[in-house]
Amino acid sequence: DNRSKVQRIAQTVLISLFPSWMPPWYSVLFSEPFPAFSARMNAWATWVAGTWLMGECEINDVEEVDGGGIGKGQGLLVKRCRFLEESGCASVCVNSCKIPTQNFFMENMGLPLTMTPDYETYECQFSFGVTPKAQGELDAR
């Protein structure tokens, strides 16, 4: 279906932004042995590299990461996502950003990520180190 095709294309674009050797090695060198460090590093890298695309961002804590506990500095709040605001469409957000980005981090980088968009305020919470839950995915759609 078209949604799956859009998701695959968007994930391929994310993969193409990195040297081909990096994503598989990232998992081996960082995500698996140092999950909390990896989550913090990706929150920071997303803040540095993504602000120009998404809008103003701030690093924050994640209330509950996989395995329990607070993820200090493992979150990123996009205060008003330009992509979401300009598209004005939950389907565009979910299928061309949320799902492919979550899949990229999990499948290619070995790091769980849950993205939680707010369609009224245009905020989006990135929670690195948190596997998406079925109910949250349904709510986003």
C-alpha atoms as a PDB file:
ATOM      1  CA  ASP A   1       0.000   0.000   0.000  1.00  0.00           C
ATOM      2  CA  ASN A   2       1.037   3.640  -0.419  1.00  0.00           C
ATOM      3  CA  ARG A   3       1.663   4.238   3.306  1.00  0.00           C
ATOM      4  CA  SER A   4       4.178   1.399   3.458  1.00  0.00           C
ATOM      5  CA  LYS A   5       5.888   2.674   0.313  1.00  0.00           C
ATOM      6  CA  VAL A   6       6.198   6.205   1.755  1.00  0.00           C
ATOM      7  CA  GLN A   7       7.561   4.751   5.025  1.00  0.00           C
ATOM      8  CA  ARG A   8      10.193   2.685   3.175  1.00  0.00           C
ATOM      9  CA  ILE A   9      11.277   5.656   1.041  1.00  0.00           C
ATOM     10  CA  ALA A  10      11.605   7.925   4.078  1.00  0.00           C
ATOM     11  CA  GLN A  11      13.601   5.289   5.985  1.00  0.00           C
ATOM     12  CA  THR A  12      15.881   4.866   2.950  1.00  0.00           C
ATOM     13  CA  VAL A  13      16.524   8.623   2.949  1.00  0.00           C
ATOM     14  CA  LEU A  14      17.555   8.455   6.621  1.00  0.00           C
ATOM     15  CA  ILE A  15      19.876   5.518   5.900  1.00  0.00           C
ATOM     16  CA  SER A  16      21.461   7.437   3.018  1.00  0.00           C
ATOM     17  CA  LEU A  17      22.506  10.253   5.373  1.00  0.00           C
ATOM     18  CA  PHE A  18      25.140   8.018   6.980  1.00  0.00           C
ATOM     19  CA  PRO A  19      28.158   6.128   5.673  1.00  0.00           C
ATOM     20  CA  SER A  20      27.023   2.579   4.869  1.00  0.00           C
ATOM     21  CA  TRP A  21      29.210   1.026   7.595  1.00  0.00           C
ATOM     22  CA  MET A  22      27.939   3.269  10.401  1.00  0.00           C
ATOM     23  CA  PRO A  23      24.413   2.050  11.291  1.00  0.00           C
ATOM     24  CA  PRO A  24      25.306  -1.637  11.764  1.00  0.00           C
ATOM     25  CA  TRP A  25      28.456  -0.792  13.719  1.00  0.00           C
ATOM     26  CA  TYR A  26      26.622   1.791  15.810  1.00  0.00           C
ATOM     27  CA  SER A  27      24.458  -0.957  17.229  1.00  0.00           C
ATOM     28  CA  VAL A  28      27.472  -3.130  18.070  1.00  0.00           C
ATOM     29  CA  LEU A  29      29.636  -0.333  19.502  1.00  0.00           C
ATOM     30  CA  PHE A  30      27.035   1.836  21.266  1.00  0.00           C
ATOM     31  CA  SER A  31      23.359   0.789  21.322  1.00  0.00           C
ATOM     32  CA  GLU A  32      23.836  -2.713  22.701  1.00  0.00           C
ATOM     33  CA  PRO A  33      26.677  -2.206  25.219  1.00  0.00           C
ATOM     34  CA  PHE A  34      25.780   1.368  26.270  1.00  0.00           C
ATOM     35  CA  PRO A  35      22.026   1.938  25.741  1.00  0.00           C
ATOM     36  CA  ALA A  36      21.627   4.963  28.059  1.00  0.00           C
ATOM     37  CA  PHE A  37      24.735   6.673  26.664  1.00  0.00           C
ATOM     38  CA  SER A  38      23.561   5.892  23.130  1.00  0.00           C
ATOM     39  CA  ALA A  39      20.123   7.375  23.867  1.00  0.00           C
ATOM     40  CA  ARG A  40      21.660  10.579  25.293  1.00  0.00           C
ATOM     41  CA  MET A  41      24.070  10.855  22.363  1.00  0.00           C
ATOM     42  CA  ASN A  42      21.230  10.518  19.857  1.00  0.00           C
ATOM     43  CA  ALA A  43      19.073  13.075  21.668  1.00  0.00           C
ATOM     44  CA  TRP A  44      22.004  15.495  21.440  1.00  0.00           C
ATOM     45  CA  ALA A  45      22.801  14.626  17.794  1.00  0.00           C
ATOM     46  CA  THR A  46      19.145  15.035  16.822  1.00  0.00           C
ATOM     47  CA  TRP A  47      19.084  18.425  18.567  1.00  0.00           C
ATOM     48  CA  VAL A  48      22.231  19.538  16.714  1.00  0.00           C
ATOM     49  CA  ALA A  49      21.312  18.140  13.300  1.00  0.00           C
ATOM     50  CA  GLY A  50      17.522  18.448  13.378  1.00  0.00           C
ATOM     51  CA  THR A  51      16.787  21.926  14.709  1.00  0.00           C
ATOM     52  CA  TRP A  52      17.130  23.506  11.254  1.00  0.00           C
ATOM     53  CA  LEU A  53      14.569  21.048   9.864  1.00  0.00           C
ATOM     54  CA  MET A  54      12.062  20.694  12.691  1.00  0.00           C
ATOM     55  CA  GLY A  55      12.342  23.977  14.577  1.00  0.00           C
ATOM     56  CA  GLU A  56      13.373  24.877  18.106  1.00  0.00           C
ATOM     57  CA  CYS A  57      14.189  21.852  20.255  1.00  0.00           C
ATOM     58  CA  GLU A  58      15.308  21.158  23.793  1.00  0.00           C
ATOM     59  CA  ILE A  59      16.833  18.096  25.392  1.00  0.00           C
ATOM     60  CA  ASN A  60      14.788  16.710  28.275  1.00  0.00           C
ATOM     61  CA  ASP A  61      14.372  13.625  30.443  1.00  0.00           C
ATOM     62  CA  VAL A  62      12.284  10.595  29.521  1.00  0.00           C
ATOM     63  CA  GLU A  63       9.879   9.547  32.276  1.00  0.00           C
ATOM     64  CA  GLU A  64      10.313   5.795  31.833  1.00  0.00           C
ATOM     65  CA  VAL A  65      12.819   4.075  29.583  1.00  0.00           C
ATOM     66  CA  ASP A  66      12.903   0.396  28.653  1.00  0.00           C
ATOM     67  CA  GLY A  67      13.958  -1.523  31.744  1.00  0.00           C
ATOM     68  CA  GLY A  68      12.511   1.129  34.075  1.00  0.00           C
ATOM     69  CA  GLY A  69      13.835   4.335  35.523  1.00  0.00           C
ATOM     70  CA  ILE A  70      14.144   7.884  34.277  1.00  0.00           C
ATOM     71  CA  GLY A  71      16.163   8.486  31.129  1.00  0.00           C
ATOM     72  CA  LYS A  72      18.194  11.574  32.052  1.00  0.00           C
ATOM     73  CA  GLY A  73      18.809  13.617  28.887  1.00  0.00           C
ATOM     74  CA  GLN A  74      17.394  10.859  26.669  1.00  0.00           C
ATOM     75  CA  GLY A  75      14.544  12.927  25.276  1.00  0.00           C
ATOM     76  CA  LEU A  76      14.180  15.704  22.775  1.00  0.00           C
ATOM     77  CA  LEU A  77      11.162  17.979  22.625  1.00  0.00           C
ATOM     78  CA  VAL A  78      10.502  19.654  19.306  1.00  0.00           C
ATOM     79  CA  LYS A  79       8.619  22.715  20.522  1.00  0.00           C
ATOM     80  CA  ARG A  80       6.753  23.346  17.279  1.00  0.00           C
ATOM     81  CA  CYS A  81       7.537  20.933  14.467  1.00  0.00           C
ATOM     82  CA  ARG A  82       7.646  22.812  11.163  1.00  0.00           C
ATOM     83  CA  PHE A  83       7.003  19.592   9.272  1.00  0.00           C
ATOM     84  CA  LEU A  84       3.866  18.777  11.257  1.00  0.00           C
ATOM     85  CA  GLU A  85       2.612  22.364  11.259  1.00  0.00           C
ATOM     86  CA  GLU A  86       3.123  22.888   7.518  1.00  0.00           C
ATOM     87  CA  SER A  87       1.607  19.561   6.491  1.00  0.00           C
ATOM     88  CA  GLY A  88      -1.307  19.926   8.927  1.00  0.00           C
ATOM     89  CA  CYS A  89      -1.896  16.222   8.439  1.00  0.00           C
ATOM     90  CA  ALA A  90      -1.513  13.391  10.948  1.00  0.00           C
ATOM     91  CA  SER A  91      -1.116  10.838   8.148  1.00  0.00           C
ATOM     92  CA  VAL A  92       1.817  12.734   6.612  1.00  0.00           C
ATOM     93  CA  CYS A  93       3.432  13.023  10.059  1.00  0.00           C
ATOM     94  CA  VAL A  94       2.964   9.351  10.922  1.00  0.00           C
ATOM     95  CA  ASN A  95       3.880   7.848   7.557  1.00  0.00           C
ATOM     96  CA  SER A  96       6.697  10.101   6.363  1.00  0.00           C
ATOM     97  CA  CYS A  97       8.327  10.945   9.709  1.00  0.00           C
ATOM     98  CA  LYS A  98       7.246   9.089  12.858  1.00  0.00           C
ATOM     99  CA  ILE A  99       7.177   5.463  11.665  1.00  0.00           C
ATOM    100  CA  PRO A 100      10.206   5.635   9.338  1.00  0.00           C
ATOM    101  CA  THR A 101      12.302   7.470  11.948  1.00  0.00           C
ATOM    102  CA  GLN A 102      11.369   5.024  14.705  1.00  0.00           C
ATOM    103  CA  ASN A 103      12.068   2.112  12.345  1.00  0.00           C
ATOM    104  CA  PHE A 104      15.411   3.590  11.291  1.00  0.00           C
ATOM    105  CA  PHE A 105      16.626   3.921  14.858  1.00  0.00           C
ATOM    106  CA  MET A 106      15.414   0.449  15.886  1.00  0.00           C
ATOM    107  CA  GLU A 107      16.205  -1.547  12.754  1.00  0.00           C
ATOM    108  CA  ASN A 108      19.319   0.245  11.522  1.00  0.00           C
ATOM    109  CA  MET A 109      20.893   1.737  14.657  1.00  0.00           C
ATOM    110  CA  GLY A 110      19.667  -0.784  17.255  1.00  0.00           C
ATOM    111  CA  LEU A 111      18.192   1.939  19.465  1.00  0.00           C
ATOM    112  CA  PRO A 112      14.512   2.048  20.453  1.00  0.00           C
ATOM    113  CA  LEU A 113      12.788   5.373  19.840  1.00  0.00           C
ATOM    114  CA  THR A 114       9.239   6.478  20.508  1.00  0.00           C
ATOM    115  CA  MET A 115       8.040   9.695  18.888  1.00  0.00           C
ATOM    116  CA  THR A 116       4.899  11.285  20.313  1.00  0.00           C
ATOM    117  CA  PRO A 117       3.447  14.067  18.155  1.00  0.00           C
ATOM    118  CA  ASP A 118       0.827  16.469  19.512  1.00  0.00           C
ATOM    119  CA  TYR A 119      -1.422  17.458  16.619  1.00  0.00           C
ATOM    120  CA  GLU A 120      -2.851  20.476  18.463  1.00  0.00           C
ATOM    121  CA  THR A 121       0.359  22.160  19.674  1.00  0.00           C
ATOM    122  CA  TYR A 122       2.643  20.734  16.932  1.00  0.00           C
ATOM    123  CA  GLU A 123       5.078  19.525  19.597  1.00  0.00           C
ATOM    124  CA  CYS A 124       6.807  16.209  19.142  1.00  0.00           C
ATOM    125  CA  GLN A 125       8.528  14.301  21.939  1.00  0.00           C
ATOM    126  CA  PHE A 126      11.400  12.007  20.935  1.00  0.00           C
ATOM    127  CA  SER A 127      12.029   9.403  23.653  1.00  0.00           C
ATOM    128  CA  PHE A 128      15.251   7.541  22.934  1.00  0.00           C
ATOM    129  CA  GLY A 129      15.579   4.201  24.710  1.00  0.00           C
ATOM    130  CA  VAL A 130      11.807   3.647  24.698  1.00  0.00           C
ATOM    131  CA  THR A 131      10.225   0.991  22.500  1.00  0.00           C
ATOM    132  CA  PRO A 132       6.957   2.175  20.909  1.00  0.00           C
ATOM    133  CA  LYS A 133       3.890   0.727  22.628  1.00  0.00           C
ATOM    134  CA  ALA A 134       0.866  -0.460  20.636  1.00  0.00           C
ATOM    135  CA  GLN A 135      -1.585   1.988  22.267  1.00  0.00           C
ATOM    136  CA  GLY A 136       0.670   4.986  21.635  1.00  0.00           C
ATOM    137  CA  GLU A 137       1.022   3.998  17.999  1.00  0.00           C
ATOM    138  CA  LEU A 138      -2.762   3.718  17.630  1.00  0.00           C
ATOM    139  CA  ASP A 139      -3.245   7.093  19.304  1.00  0.00           C
ATOM    140  CA  ALA A 140      -0.789   8.725  16.885  1.00  0.00           C
ATOM    141  CA  ARG A 141      -2.676   7.372  13.897  1.00  0.00           C
END
